[in-house]
PDB file of all heavy atoms in Angstrom:
ATOM      1  N   THR A   1       2.059  11.103 158.548  1.00  0.00           N
ATOM      2  CA  THR A   1       2.239  11.516 159.933  1.00  0.00           C
ATOM      3  C   THR A   1       1.137  10.844 160.755  1.00  0.00           C
ATOM      4  O   THR A   1       0.002  10.753 160.261  1.00  0.00           O
ATOM      5  CB  THR A   1       2.083  13.054 160.053  1.00  0.00           C
ATOM      6  OG1 THR A   1       3.078  13.705 159.275  1.00  0.00           O
ATOM      7  CG2 THR A   1       2.159  13.533 161.474  1.00  0.00           C
ATOM      8  N   PRO A   2       1.375  10.374 161.968  1.00  0.00           N
ATOM      9  CA  PRO A   2       2.563  10.560 162.804  1.00  0.00           C
ATOM     10  C   PRO A   2       3.523   9.376 162.758  1.00  0.00           C
ATOM     11  O   PRO A   2       3.184   8.291 162.284  1.00  0.00           O
ATOM     12  CB  PRO A   2       1.949  10.665 164.199  1.00  0.00           C
ATOM     13  CG  PRO A   2       0.757   9.757 164.144  1.00  0.00           C
ATOM     14  CD  PRO A   2       0.221   9.886 162.748  1.00  0.00           C
ATOM     15  N   ASN A   3       4.726   9.609 163.290  1.00  0.00           N
ATOM     16  CA  ASN A   3       5.729   8.564 163.457  1.00  0.00           C
ATOM     17  C   ASN A   3       5.550   7.977 164.859  1.00  0.00           C
ATOM     18  O   ASN A   3       5.831   8.628 165.849  1.00  0.00           O
ATOM     19  CB  ASN A   3       7.135   9.159 163.307  1.00  0.00           C
ATOM     20  CG  ASN A   3       8.240   8.122 163.427  1.00  0.00           C
ATOM     21  OD1 ASN A   3       8.042   7.013 163.911  1.00  0.00           O
ATOM     22  ND2 ASN A   3       9.436   8.476 162.985  1.00  0.00           N
ATOM     23  N   VAL A   4       5.067   6.733 164.921  1.00  0.00           N
ATOM     24  CA  VAL A   4       4.819   6.103 166.227  1.00  0.00           C
ATOM     25  C   VAL A   4       5.739   4.902 166.452  1.00  0.00           C
ATOM     26  O   VAL A   4       5.397   3.971 167.176  1.00  0.00           O
ATOM     27  CB  VAL A   4       3.332   5.698 166.402  1.00  0.00           C
ATOM     28  CG1 VAL A   4       2.462   6.932 166.542  1.00  0.00           C
ATOM     29  CG2 VAL A   4       2.843   4.828 165.256  1.00  0.00           C
ATOM     30  N   ASN A   5       6.920   4.938 165.840  1.00  0.00           N
ATOM     31  CA  ASN A   5       7.943   3.956 166.189  1.00  0.00           C
ATOM     32  C   ASN A   5       8.463   4.247 167.590  1.00  0.00           C
ATOM     33  O   ASN A   5       8.720   5.392 167.940  1.00  0.00           O
ATOM     34  CB  ASN A   5       9.112   4.013 165.203  1.00  0.00           C
ATOM     35  CG  ASN A   5       8.725   3.575 163.806  1.00  0.00           C
ATOM     36  OD1 ASN A   5       8.936   4.311 162.843  1.00  0.00           O
ATOM     37  ND2 ASN A   5       8.160   2.393 163.669  1.00  0.00           N
ATOM     38  N   ILE A   6       8.642   3.218 168.382  1.00  0.00           N
ATOM     39  CA  ILE A   6       9.131   3.396 169.749  1.00  0.00           C
ATOM     40  C   ILE A   6      10.565   3.937 169.730  1.00  0.00           C
ATOM     41  O   ILE A   6      11.416   3.428 169.004  1.00  0.00           O
ATOM     42  CB  ILE A   6       9.068   2.059 170.512  1.00  0.00           C
ATOM     43  CG1 ILE A   6       7.616   1.754 170.885  1.00  0.00           C
ATOM     44  CG2 ILE A   6       9.936   2.075 171.749  1.00  0.00           C
ATOM     45  CD1 ILE A   6       7.007   2.714 171.873  1.00  0.00           C
ATOM     46  N   PHE A   7      10.808   4.949 170.543  1.00  0.00           N
ATOM     47  CA  PHE A   7      12.144   5.538 170.683  1.00  0.00           C
ATOM     48  C   PHE A   7      12.932   4.631 171.633  1.00  0.00           C
ATOM     49  O   PHE A   7      13.192   4.975 172.775  1.00  0.00           O
ATOM     50  CB  PHE A   7      12.008   6.956 171.233  1.00  0.00           C
ATOM     51  CG  PHE A   7      13.206   7.844 171.014  1.00  0.00           C
ATOM     52  CD1 PHE A   7      13.131   9.198 171.302  1.00  0.00           C
ATOM     53  CD2 PHE A   7      14.405   7.344 170.530  1.00  0.00           C
ATOM     54  CE1 PHE A   7      14.217  10.042 171.112  1.00  0.00           C
ATOM     55  CE2 PHE A   7      15.509   8.171 170.331  1.00  0.00           C
ATOM     56  CZ  PHE A   7      15.409   9.522 170.634  1.00  0.00           C
ATOM     57  N   ARG A   8      13.329   3.460 171.121  1.00  0.00           N
ATOM     58  CA  ARG A   8      13.905   2.407 171.979  1.00  0.00           C
ATOM     59  C   ARG A   8      15.354   2.678 172.344  1.00  0.00           C
ATOM     60  O   ARG A   8      15.847   2.146 173.333  1.00  0.00           O
ATOM     61  CB  ARG A   8      13.820   1.049 171.269  1.00  0.00           C
ATOM     62  CG  ARG A   8      14.709   0.999 170.055  1.00  0.00           C
ATOM     63  CD  ARG A   8      14.712  -0.284 169.272  1.00  0.00           C
ATOM     64  NE  ARG A   8      15.644  -0.101 168.166  1.00  0.00           N
ATOM     65  CZ  ARG A   8      16.921  -0.428 168.215  1.00  0.00           C
ATOM     66  NH1 ARG A   8      17.412  -1.024 169.277  1.00  0.00           N
ATOM     67  NH2 ARG A   8      17.720  -0.182 167.191  1.00  0.00           N
ATOM     68  N   ASP A   9      16.059   3.484 171.545  1.00  0.00           N
ATOM     69  CA  ASP A   9      17.477   3.749 171.781  1.00  0.00           C
ATOM     70  C   ASP A   9      17.753   5.213 171.520  1.00  0.00           C
ATOM     71  O   ASP A   9      17.457   5.719 170.432  1.00  0.00           O
ATOM     72  CB  ASP A   9      18.344   2.877 170.869  1.00  0.00           C
ATOM     73  CG  ASP A   9      19.814   2.896 171.264  1.00  0.00           C
ATOM     74  OD1 ASP A   9      20.426   3.987 171.244  1.00  0.00           O
ATOM     75  OD2 ASP A   9      20.363   1.828 171.594  1.00  0.00           O
ATOM     76  N   PRO A  10      18.320   5.938 172.508  1.00  0.00           N
ATOM     77  CA  PRO A  10      18.499   7.391 172.360  1.00  0.00           C
ATOM     78  C   PRO A  10      19.515   7.805 171.307  1.00  0.00           C
ATOM     79  O   PRO A  10      19.667   8.997 171.053  1.00  0.00           O
ATOM     80  CB  PRO A  10      18.944   7.835 173.756  1.00  0.00           C
ATOM     81  CG  PRO A  10      19.481   6.625 174.409  1.00  0.00           C
ATOM     82  CD  PRO A  10      18.711   5.462 173.844  1.00  0.00           C
ATOM     83  N   ARG A  11      20.181   6.830 170.693  1.00  0.00           N
ATOM     84  CA  ARG A  11      21.102   7.184 169.604  1.00  0.00           C
ATOM     85  C   ARG A  11      20.378   7.404 168.275  1.00  0.00           C
ATOM     86  O   ARG A  11      20.960   7.943 167.334  1.00  0.00           O
ATOM     87  CB  ARG A  11      22.160   6.078 169.450  1.00  0.00           C
ATOM     88  CG  ARG A  11      23.202   6.062 170.540  1.00  0.00           C
ATOM     89  CD  ARG A  11      24.029   4.802 170.559  1.00  0.00           C
ATOM     90  NE  ARG A  11      23.281   3.656 171.051  1.00  0.00           N
ATOM     91  CZ  ARG A  11      23.821   2.545 171.523  1.00  0.00           C
ATOM     92  NH1 ARG A  11      25.144   2.421 171.562  1.00  0.00           N
ATOM     93  NH2 ARG A  11      23.070   1.550 171.967  1.00  0.00           N
ATOM     94  N   TRP A  12      19.134   6.973 168.181  1.00  0.00           N
ATOM     95  CA  TRP A  12      18.392   7.058 166.918  1.00  0.00           C
ATOM     96  C   TRP A  12      18.084   8.518 166.578  1.00  0.00           C
ATOM     97  O   TRP A  12      17.411   9.217 167.320  1.00  0.00           O
ATOM     98  CB  TRP A  12      17.100   6.258 167.029  1.00  0.00           C
ATOM     99  CG  TRP A  12      16.333   6.159 165.745  1.00  0.00           C
ATOM    100  CD1 TRP A  12      16.845   6.065 164.486  1.00  0.00           C
ATOM    101  CD2 TRP A  12      14.909   6.149 165.602  1.00  0.00           C
ATOM    102  NE1 TRP A  12      15.824   5.985 163.552  1.00  0.00           N
ATOM    103  CE2 TRP A  12      14.633   6.041 164.217  1.00  0.00           C
ATOM    104  CE3 TRP A  12      13.857   6.211 166.501  1.00  0.00           C
ATOM    105  CZ2 TRP A  12      13.330   5.989 163.726  1.00  0.00           C
ATOM    106  CZ3 TRP A  12      12.559   6.163 166.013  1.00  0.00           C
ATOM    107  CH2 TRP A  12      12.297   6.054 164.641  1.00  0.00           C
ATOM    108  N   GLY A  13      18.562   8.952 165.421  1.00  0.00           N
ATOM    109  CA  GLY A  13      18.401  10.348 165.034  1.00  0.00           C
ATOM    110  C   GLY A  13      16.977  10.774 164.781  1.00  0.00           C
ATOM    111  O   GLY A  13      16.631  11.951 164.929  1.00  0.00           O
ATOM    112  N   ARG A  14      16.117   9.820 164.387  1.00  0.00           N
ATOM    113  CA  ARG A  14      14.732  10.169 164.088  1.00  0.00           C
ATOM    114  C   ARG A  14      13.808  10.001 165.293  1.00  0.00           C
ATOM    115  O   ARG A  14      12.599  10.213 165.181  1.00  0.00           O
ATOM    116  CB  ARG A  14      14.217   9.332 162.916  1.00  0.00           C
ATOM    117  CG  ARG A  14      14.948   9.592 161.622  1.00  0.00           C
ATOM    118  CD  ARG A  14      14.251   8.941 160.436  1.00  0.00           C
ATOM    119  NE  ARG A  14      12.994   9.588 160.112  1.00  0.00           N
ATOM    120  CZ  ARG A  14      12.198   9.195 159.113  1.00  0.00           C
ATOM    121  NH1 ARG A  14      12.533   8.158 158.369  1.00  0.00           N
ATOM    122  NH2 ARG A  14      11.063   9.820 158.868  1.00  0.00           N
ATOM    123  N   GLY A  15      14.381   9.648 166.433  1.00  0.00           N
ATOM    124  CA  GLY A  15      13.547   9.533 167.621  1.00  0.00           C
ATOM    125  C   GLY A  15      12.832  10.825 167.963  1.00  0.00           C
ATOM    126  O   GLY A  15      11.759  10.816 168.575  1.00  0.00           O
ATOM    127  N   GLN A  16      13.418  11.952 167.559  1.00  0.00           N
ATOM    128  CA  GLN A  16      12.795  13.256 167.792  1.00  0.00           C
ATOM    129  C   GLN A  16      11.407  13.371 167.177  1.00  0.00           C
ATOM    130  O   GLN A  16      10.576  14.166 167.617  1.00  0.00           O
ATOM    131  CB  GLN A  16      13.679  14.364 167.218  1.00  0.00           C
ATOM    132  CG  GLN A  16      13.890  14.260 165.709  1.00  0.00           C
ATOM    133  CD  GLN A  16      14.671  15.411 165.132  1.00  0.00           C
ATOM    134  OE1 GLN A  16      14.152  16.509 164.980  1.00  0.00           O
ATOM    135  NE2 GLN A  16      15.936  15.165 164.825  1.00  0.00           N
ATOM    136  N   GLU A  17      11.130  12.573 166.148  1.00  0.00           N
ATOM    137  CA  GLU A  17       9.829  12.630 165.478  1.00  0.00           C
ATOM    138  C   GLU A  17       8.734  11.946 166.289  1.00  0.00           C
ATOM    139  O   GLU A  17       7.543  12.157 166.030  1.00  0.00           O
ATOM    140  CB  GLU A  17       9.919  11.949 164.108  1.00  0.00           C
ATOM    141  CG  GLU A  17      10.931  12.554 163.163  1.00  0.00           C
ATOM    142  CD  GLU A  17      11.033  11.767 161.868  1.00  0.00           C
ATOM    143  OE1 GLU A  17      10.054  11.086 161.504  1.00  0.00           O
ATOM    144  OE2 GLU A  17      12.090  11.808 161.227  1.00  0.00           O
ATOM    145  N   THR A  18       9.123  11.098 167.234  1.00  0.00           N
ATOM    146  CA  THR A  18       8.167  10.290 167.978  1.00  0.00           C
ATOM    147  C   THR A  18       7.744  10.986 169.264  1.00  0.00           C
ATOM    148  O   THR A  18       8.202  12.083 169.574  1.00  0.00           O
ATOM    149  CB  THR A  18       8.780   8.920 168.323  1.00  0.00           C
ATOM    150  OG1 THR A  18       9.699   9.067 169.420  1.00  0.00           O
ATOM    151  CG2 THR A  18       9.535   8.326 167.130  1.00  0.00           C
ATOM    152  N   TYR A  19       6.889  10.295 170.038  1.00  0.00           N
ATOM    153  CA  TYR A  19       6.424  10.858 171.305  1.00  0.00           C
ATOM    154  C   TYR A  19       7.108  10.200 172.506  1.00  0.00           C
ATOM    155  O   TYR A  19       6.687  10.423 173.638  1.00  0.00           O
ATOM    156  CB  TYR A  19       4.902  10.715 171.415  1.00  0.00           C
ATOM    157  CG  TYR A  19       4.180  11.278 170.220  1.00  0.00           C
ATOM    158  CD1 TYR A  19       3.286  10.492 169.486  1.00  0.00           C
ATOM    159  CD2 TYR A  19       4.400  12.587 169.796  1.00  0.00           C
ATOM    160  CE1 TYR A  19       2.630  11.002 168.371  1.00  0.00           C
ATOM    161  CE2 TYR A  19       3.753  13.101 168.682  1.00  0.00           C
ATOM    162  CZ  TYR A  19       2.864  12.298 167.967  1.00  0.00           C
ATOM    163  OH  TYR A  19       2.223  12.799 166.862  1.00  0.00           O
ATOM    164  N   GLY A  20       8.158   9.399 172.252  1.00  0.00           N
ATOM    165  CA  GLY A  20       8.925   8.875 173.368  1.00  0.00           C
ATOM    166  C   GLY A  20       9.101   7.374 173.359  1.00  0.00           C
ATOM    167  O   GLY A  20       8.872   6.699 172.356  1.00  0.00           O
ATOM    168  N   GLU A  21       9.493   6.837 174.528  1.00  0.00           N
ATOM    169  CA  GLU A  21       9.886   5.438 174.630  1.00  0.00           C
ATOM    170  C   GLU A  21       8.789   4.528 175.176  1.00  0.00           C
ATOM    171  O   GLU A  21       8.969   3.306 175.232  1.00  0.00           O
ATOM    172  CB  GLU A  21      11.120   5.310 175.523  1.00  0.00           C
ATOM    173  CG  GLU A  21      10.870   5.567 177.001  1.00  0.00           C
ATOM    174  CD  GLU A  21      12.141   5.478 177.845  1.00  0.00           C
ATOM    175  OE1 GLU A  21      13.249   5.629 177.289  1.00  0.00           O
ATOM    176  OE2 GLU A  21      12.024   5.260 179.059  1.00  0.00           O
ATOM    177  N   ASP A  22       7.673   5.094 175.589  1.00  0.00           N
ATOM    178  CA  ASP A  22       6.633   4.283 176.226  1.00  0.00           C
ATOM    179  C   ASP A  22       5.465   4.020 175.276  1.00  0.00           C
ATOM    180  O   ASP A  22       4.890   4.964 174.730  1.00  0.00           O
ATOM    181  CB  ASP A  22       6.109   4.987 177.475  1.00  0.00           C
ATOM    182  CG  ASP A  22       5.045   4.166 178.166  1.00  0.00           C
ATOM    183  OD1 ASP A  22       5.389   3.131 178.756  1.00  0.00           O
ATOM    184  OD2 ASP A  22       3.861   4.539 178.080  1.00  0.00           O
ATOM    185  N   PRO A  23       5.078   2.761 175.090  1.00  0.00           N
ATOM    186  CA  PRO A  23       3.990   2.445 174.154  1.00  0.00           C
ATOM    187  C   PRO A  23       2.655   3.080 174.531  1.00  0.00           C
ATOM    188  O   PRO A  23       1.901   3.503 173.646  1.00  0.00           O
ATOM    189  CB  PRO A  23       3.904   0.915 174.221  1.00  0.00           C
ATOM    190  CG  PRO A  23       5.219   0.456 174.742  1.00  0.00           C
ATOM    191  CD  PRO A  23       5.699   1.544 175.649  1.00  0.00           C
ATOM    192  N   PHE A  24       2.361   3.154 175.822  1.00  0.00           N
ATOM    193  CA  PHE A  24       1.078   3.727 176.254  1.00  0.00           C
ATOM    194  C   PHE A  24       1.034   5.227 175.976  1.00  0.00           C
ATOM    195  O   PHE A  24       0.059   5.746 175.427  1.00  0.00           O
ATOM    196  CB  PHE A  24       0.850   3.442 177.733  1.00  0.00           C
ATOM    197  CG  PHE A  24      -0.434   4.002 178.266  1.00  0.00           C
ATOM    198  CD1 PHE A  24      -1.652   3.428 177.936  1.00  0.00           C
ATOM    199  CD2 PHE A  24      -0.437   5.122 179.093  1.00  0.00           C
ATOM    200  CE1 PHE A  24      -2.854   3.948 178.422  1.00  0.00           C
ATOM    201  CE2 PHE A  24      -1.624   5.649 179.582  1.00  0.00           C
ATOM    202  CZ  PHE A  24      -2.832   5.060 179.249  1.00  0.00           C
ATOM    203  N   LEU A  25       2.090   5.938 176.362  1.00  0.00           N
ATOM    204  CA  LEU A  25       2.154   7.376 176.081  1.00  0.00           C
ATOM    205  C   LEU A  25       2.102   7.629 174.585  1.00  0.00           C
ATOM    206  O   LEU A  25       1.389   8.521 174.110  1.00  0.00           O
ATOM    207  CB  LEU A  25       3.432   7.969 176.677  1.00  0.00           C
ATOM    208  CG  LEU A  25       3.709   9.446 176.370  1.00  0.00           C
ATOM    209  CD1 LEU A  25       2.628  10.344 176.956  1.00  0.00           C
ATOM    210  CD2 LEU A  25       5.089   9.860 176.887  1.00  0.00           C
ATOM    211  N   MET A  26       2.850   6.841 173.832  1.00  0.00           N
ATOM    212  CA  MET A  26       2.871   6.987 172.376  1.00  0.00           C
ATOM    213  C   MET A  26       1.469   6.834 171.798  1.00  0.00           C
ATOM    214  O   MET A  26       1.034   7.611 170.940  1.00  0.00           O
ATOM    215  CB  MET A  26       3.798   5.945 171.764  1.00  0.00           C
ATOM    216  CG  MET A  26       3.950   6.062 170.255  1.00  0.00           C
ATOM    217  SD  MET A  26       5.168   7.290 169.772  1.00  0.00           S
ATOM    218  CE  MET A  26       6.676   6.367 170.060  1.00  0.00           C
ATOM    219  N   ALA A  27       0.747   5.835 172.280  1.00  0.00           N
ATOM    220  CA  ALA A  27      -0.594   5.581 171.767  1.00  0.00           C
ATOM    221  C   ALA A  27      -1.555   6.708 172.126  1.00  0.00           C
ATOM    222  O   ALA A  27      -2.361   7.146 171.293  1.00  0.00           O
ATOM    223  CB  ALA A  27      -1.104   4.250 172.305  1.00  0.00           C
ATOM    224  N   GLN A  28      -1.490   7.189 173.372  1.00  0.00           N
ATOM    225  CA  GLN A  28      -2.402   8.235 173.814  1.00  0.00           C
ATOM    226  C   GLN A  28      -2.213   9.530 173.022  1.00  0.00           C
ATOM    227  O   GLN A  28      -3.183  10.136 172.557  1.00  0.00           O
ATOM    228  CB  GLN A  28      -2.206   8.509 175.307  1.00  0.00           C
ATOM    229  CG  GLN A  28      -2.599   7.351 176.210  1.00  0.00           C
ATOM    230  CD  GLN A  28      -4.075   7.049 176.163  1.00  0.00           C
ATOM    231  OE1 GLN A  28      -4.907   7.899 176.461  1.00  0.00           O
ATOM    232  NE2 GLN A  28      -4.419   5.834 175.772  1.00  0.00           N
ATOM    233  N   ILE A  29      -0.962   9.951 172.860  1.00  0.00           N
ATOM    234  CA  ILE A  29      -0.683  11.170 172.089  1.00  0.00           C
ATOM    235  C   ILE A  29      -0.991  10.934 170.612  1.00  0.00           C
ATOM    236  O   ILE A  29      -1.600  11.779 169.939  1.00  0.00           O
ATOM    237  CB  ILE A  29       0.784  11.617 172.270  1.00  0.00           C
ATOM    238  CG1 ILE A  29       1.093  11.903 173.745  1.00  0.00           C
ATOM    239  CG2 ILE A  29       1.069  12.848 171.413  1.00  0.00           C
ATOM    240  CD1 ILE A  29       0.420  13.103 174.333  1.00  0.00           C
ATOM    241  N   GLY A  30      -0.582   9.770 170.093  1.00  0.00           N
ATOM    242  CA  GLY A  30      -0.770   9.469 168.677  1.00  0.00           C
ATOM    243  C   GLY A  30      -2.224   9.403 168.264  1.00  0.00           C
ATOM    244  O   GLY A  30      -2.612   9.915 167.202  1.00  0.00           O
ATOM    245  N   VAL A  31      -3.060   8.767 169.074  1.00  0.00           N
ATOM    246  CA  VAL A  31      -4.494   8.672 168.762  1.00  0.00           C
ATOM    247  C   VAL A  31      -5.114  10.068 168.696  1.00  0.00           C
ATOM    248  O   VAL A  31      -5.871  10.387 167.765  1.00  0.00           O
ATOM    249  CB  VAL A  31      -5.215   7.795 169.803  1.00  0.00           C
ATOM    250  CG1 VAL A  31      -6.730   7.996 169.732  1.00  0.00           C
ATOM    251  CG2 VAL A  31      -4.882   6.322 169.583  1.00  0.00           C
ATOM    252  N   SER A  32      -4.801  10.906 169.663  1.00  0.00           N
ATOM    253  CA  SER A  32      -5.344  12.267 169.658  1.00  0.00           C
ATOM    254  C   SER A  32      -4.863  13.059 168.449  1.00  0.00           C
ATOM    255  O   SER A  32      -5.625  13.828 167.848  1.00  0.00           O
ATOM    256  CB  SER A  32      -4.944  12.992 170.945  1.00  0.00           C
ATOM    257  OG  SER A  32      -5.592  12.439 172.058  1.00  0.00           O
ATOM    258  N   PHE A  33      -3.594  12.869 168.090  1.00  0.00           N
ATOM    259  CA  PHE A  33      -3.038  13.592 166.948  1.00  0.00           C
ATOM    260  C   PHE A  33      -3.747  13.174 165.659  1.00  0.00           C
ATOM    261  O   PHE A  33      -4.099  14.019 164.824  1.00  0.00           O
ATOM    262  CB  PHE A  33      -1.538  13.333 166.844  1.00  0.00           C
ATOM    263  CG  PHE A  33      -0.783  14.376 166.085  1.00  0.00           C
ATOM    264  CD1 PHE A  33      -0.267  15.492 166.728  1.00  0.00           C
ATOM    265  CD2 PHE A  33      -0.587  14.263 164.716  1.00  0.00           C
ATOM    266  CE1 PHE A  33       0.426  16.476 166.024  1.00  0.00           C
ATOM    267  CE2 PHE A  33       0.107  15.230 163.999  1.00  0.00           C
ATOM    268  CZ  PHE A  33       0.612  16.341 164.656  1.00  0.00           C
ATOM    269  N   VAL A  34      -3.973  11.891 165.488  1.00  0.00           N
ATOM    270  CA  VAL A  34      -4.669  11.404 164.293  1.00  0.00           C
ATOM    271  C   VAL A  34      -6.092  11.954 164.234  1.00  0.00           C
ATOM    272  O   VAL A  34      -6.564  12.399 163.177  1.00  0.00           O
ATOM    273  CB  VAL A  34      -4.678   9.864 164.264  1.00  0.00           C
ATOM    274  CG1 VAL A  34      -5.646   9.346 163.196  1.00  0.00           C
ATOM    275  CG2 VAL A  34      -3.282   9.331 164.002  1.00  0.00           C
ATOM    276  N   LYS A  35      -6.773  11.940 165.349  1.00  0.00           N
ATOM    277  CA  LYS A  35      -8.145  12.466 165.373  1.00  0.00           C
ATOM    278  C   LYS A  35      -8.172  13.944 165.015  1.00  0.00           C
ATOM    279  O   LYS A  35      -9.090  14.409 164.329  1.00  0.00           O
ATOM    280  CB  LYS A  35      -8.769  12.232 166.748  1.00  0.00           C
ATOM    281  CG  LYS A  35      -9.109  10.765 167.021  1.00  0.00           C
ATOM    282  CD  LYS A  35      -9.743  10.584 168.395  1.00  0.00           C
ATOM    283  CE  LYS A  35     -10.153   9.139 168.627  1.00  0.00           C
ATOM    284  NZ  LYS A  35     -10.758   8.937 169.975  1.00  0.00           N
TER     285      LYS A  35
END
């Protein structure tokens, strides 16, 4: 954990595991989660 693959297409079933479609938002949430 965590899953930081970009949620590039809303059909992807595992997109729910990520923090969204934006690389910056993904990085900000992901870095804090890892820490």
